[in-house]
Amino acid sequence: MPHKILAVDDERHIVRLVEVNLARAGYQVVTAFDGREALEKVKSERPDLIVLDVMMPYMDGFEVLNVLKKDPETKDIPVIMLTAKAQDADVFRGWQSGVDTYLTKPFNPLELLTFVKRILQSREQPPEESGRYQL
């Protein structure tokens, strides 16, 4: 069964770009267009990963992320921030809030796909018993 990814952005063309590229790579993609809808979809769809914009109506991406990280049922869902907010303070806030990756728009769809694959693969690998990292 393919991994399910939730793509969230108020710009429909961005959602479509993310959706097409991830679907071509074999992922199941569900979409949302604002922060409130994103939280509803997380509860109903149980995605394996979320691609999340920051600037959206009703709730911004940081508010959505905060809700997700406080809920024991959703706190471990990996989140990739995909946003035009590229200031150092925004990026730092994203890392502090618990994102797994912070990508800025305009973005390269292949770069997004690489991060999605890497994050999902890292979640599937059992921890090393020796405590050593593999490079």
Protein backbone atom coordinates (compact mmCIF):
# COMPACT_ATOMS: atom_id res chain seq x y z
CA MET A 1 0.00 0.00 0.00
CA PRO A 2 1.50 3.36 -0.98
CA HIS A 3 2.34 6.02 1.56
CA LYS A 4 -0.33 8.69 1.94
CA ILE A 5 0.77 12.32 1.77
CA LEU A 6 -1.31 15.38 2.61
CA ALA A 7 -0.47 18.43 0.47
CA VAL A 8 -1.68 21.70 2.00
CA ASP A 9 -1.49 25.11 0.32
CA ASP A 10 -4.00 27.84 -0.48
CA GLU A 11 -2.49 28.19 -3.94
CA ARG A 12 -4.23 25.50 -5.98
CA HIS A 13 -1.53 25.38 -8.66
CA ILE A 14 1.09 24.58 -5.98
CA VAL A 15 -1.09 21.81 -4.55
CA ARG A 16 -1.55 20.43 -8.06
CA LEU A 17 2.19 20.54 -8.77
CA VAL A 18 2.95 18.69 -5.53
CA GLU A 19 0.11 16.23 -6.11
CA VAL A 20 1.11 15.33 -9.68
CA ASN A 21 4.79 14.84 -8.86
CA LEU A 22 4.15 12.73 -5.76
CA ALA A 23 1.46 10.66 -7.48
CA ARG A 24 3.85 9.95 -10.39
CA ALA A 25 6.31 8.63 -7.82
CA GLY A 26 3.69 6.20 -6.51
CA TYR A 27 2.36 8.05 -3.47
CA GLN A 28 -1.31 8.47 -2.62
CA VAL A 29 -1.97 12.21 -2.29
CA VAL A 30 -4.81 13.96 -0.49
CA THR A 31 -5.17 17.73 -0.53
CA ALA A 32 -6.31 20.63 1.62
CA PHE A 33 -6.40 24.35 0.89
CA ASP A 34 -6.32 25.99 4.33
CA GLY A 35 -5.24 25.25 7.89
CA ARG A 36 -8.59 24.12 9.24
CA GLU A 37 -9.18 21.77 6.32
CA ALA A 38 -5.67 20.40 6.84
CA LEU A 39 -6.43 19.41 10.43
CA GLU A 40 -9.72 17.80 9.34
CA LYS A 41 -7.89 15.79 6.66
CA VAL A 42 -5.23 14.69 9.14
CA LYS A 43 -7.95 13.19 11.35
CA SER A 44 -9.92 11.58 8.52
CA GLU A 45 -7.07 10.46 6.24
CA ARG A 46 -4.21 9.67 8.65
CA PRO A 47 -1.39 10.72 6.28
CA ASP A 48 2.13 9.34 6.59
CA LEU A 49 3.62 12.76 5.82
CA ILE A 50 2.39 16.35 5.38
CA VAL A 51 3.64 18.99 2.93
CA LEU A 52 2.50 22.25 4.53
CA ASP A 53 2.45 25.90 3.43
CA VAL A 54 2.80 28.67 6.02
CA MET A 55 0.67 31.53 4.71
CA MET A 56 -2.93 30.27 4.49
CA PRO A 57 -6.39 31.45 5.52
CA TYR A 58 -8.02 30.58 8.87
CA MET A 59 -4.88 29.01 10.38
CA ASP A 60 -1.35 29.44 9.15
CA GLY A 61 1.05 26.54 8.79
CA PHE A 62 2.81 27.28 12.08
CA GLU A 63 -0.54 27.11 13.92
CA VAL A 64 -1.37 23.83 12.19
CA LEU A 65 2.06 22.45 13.07
CA ASN A 66 1.62 23.50 16.69
CA VAL A 67 -1.72 21.67 16.94
CA LEU A 68 -0.25 18.56 15.33
CA LYS A 69 2.80 18.46 17.60
CA LYS A 70 0.69 18.84 20.77
CA ASP A 71 -1.58 15.91 19.89
CA PRO A 72 -0.15 12.48 20.84
CA GLU A 73 -1.92 10.91 17.85
CA THR A 74 -0.35 13.28 15.29
CA LYS A 75 2.89 14.50 16.87
CA ASP A 76 5.03 11.96 15.01
CA ILE A 77 3.72 12.69 11.51
CA PRO A 78 6.64 14.18 9.58
CA VAL A 79 6.06 17.65 8.15
CA ILE A 80 7.78 19.38 5.25
CA MET A 81 7.21 23.14 5.23
CA LEU A 82 6.95 24.39 1.66
CA THR A 83 6.62 28.16 1.74
CA ALA A 84 7.61 31.51 0.31
CA LYS A 85 8.58 32.63 3.83
CA ALA A 86 12.34 32.42 3.41
CA GLN A 87 13.58 34.84 6.07
CA ASP A 88 16.01 33.35 8.58
CA ALA A 89 13.52 33.96 11.40
CA ASP A 90 10.82 31.99 9.55
CA VAL A 91 13.14 29.10 8.80
CA PHE A 92 14.35 29.04 12.41
CA ARG A 93 10.75 29.12 13.67
CA GLY A 94 9.98 26.14 11.44
CA TRP A 95 12.89 24.13 12.81
CA GLN A 96 11.96 25.09 16.39
CA SER A 97 8.36 24.05 15.75
CA GLY A 98 9.40 20.56 14.70
CA VAL A 99 9.42 20.45 10.89
CA ASP A 100 11.45 17.70 9.29
CA THR A 101 12.43 19.82 6.29
CA TYR A 102 11.94 23.47 5.33
CA LEU A 103 11.78 24.18 1.58
CA THR A 104 11.21 27.60 0.08
CA LYS A 105 9.22 28.55 -3.01
CA PRO A 106 9.91 28.51 -5.82
CA PHE A 107 10.92 24.90 -5.32
CA ASN A 108 12.26 22.04 -7.40
CA PRO A 109 9.72 19.16 -7.42
CA LEU A 110 12.57 16.63 -7.59
CA GLU A 111 14.08 18.12 -4.43
CA LEU A 112 10.72 17.80 -2.66
CA LEU A 113 10.41 14.21 -3.84
CA THR A 114 13.93 13.43 -2.58
CA PHE A 115 13.09 14.75 0.89
CA VAL A 116 9.78 12.85 0.96
CA LYS A 117 11.53 9.58 0.08
CA ARG A 118 14.33 10.18 2.56
CA ILE A 119 12.00 11.02 5.45
CA LEU A 120 9.67 8.08 4.82
CA GLN A 121 12.57 5.63 4.40
CA SER A 122 14.17 6.83 7.63
CA ARG A 123 10.90 6.16 9.47
CA GLU A 124 10.79 2.59 8.18
CA GLN A 125 14.33 1.58 9.09
CA PRO A 126 14.80 -0.11 12.47
CA PRO A 127 17.19 1.70 14.79
CA GLU A 128 20.78 0.52 14.69
CA GLU A 129 21.49 -1.81 17.58
CA SER A 130 25.12 -0.83 17.76
CA GLY A 131 24.25 2.84 18.21
CA ARG A 132 26.39 3.78 15.21
CA TYR A 133 25.23 5.87 12.31
CA GLN A 134 25.61 4.62 8.79
CA LEU A 135 26.79 7.12 6.21
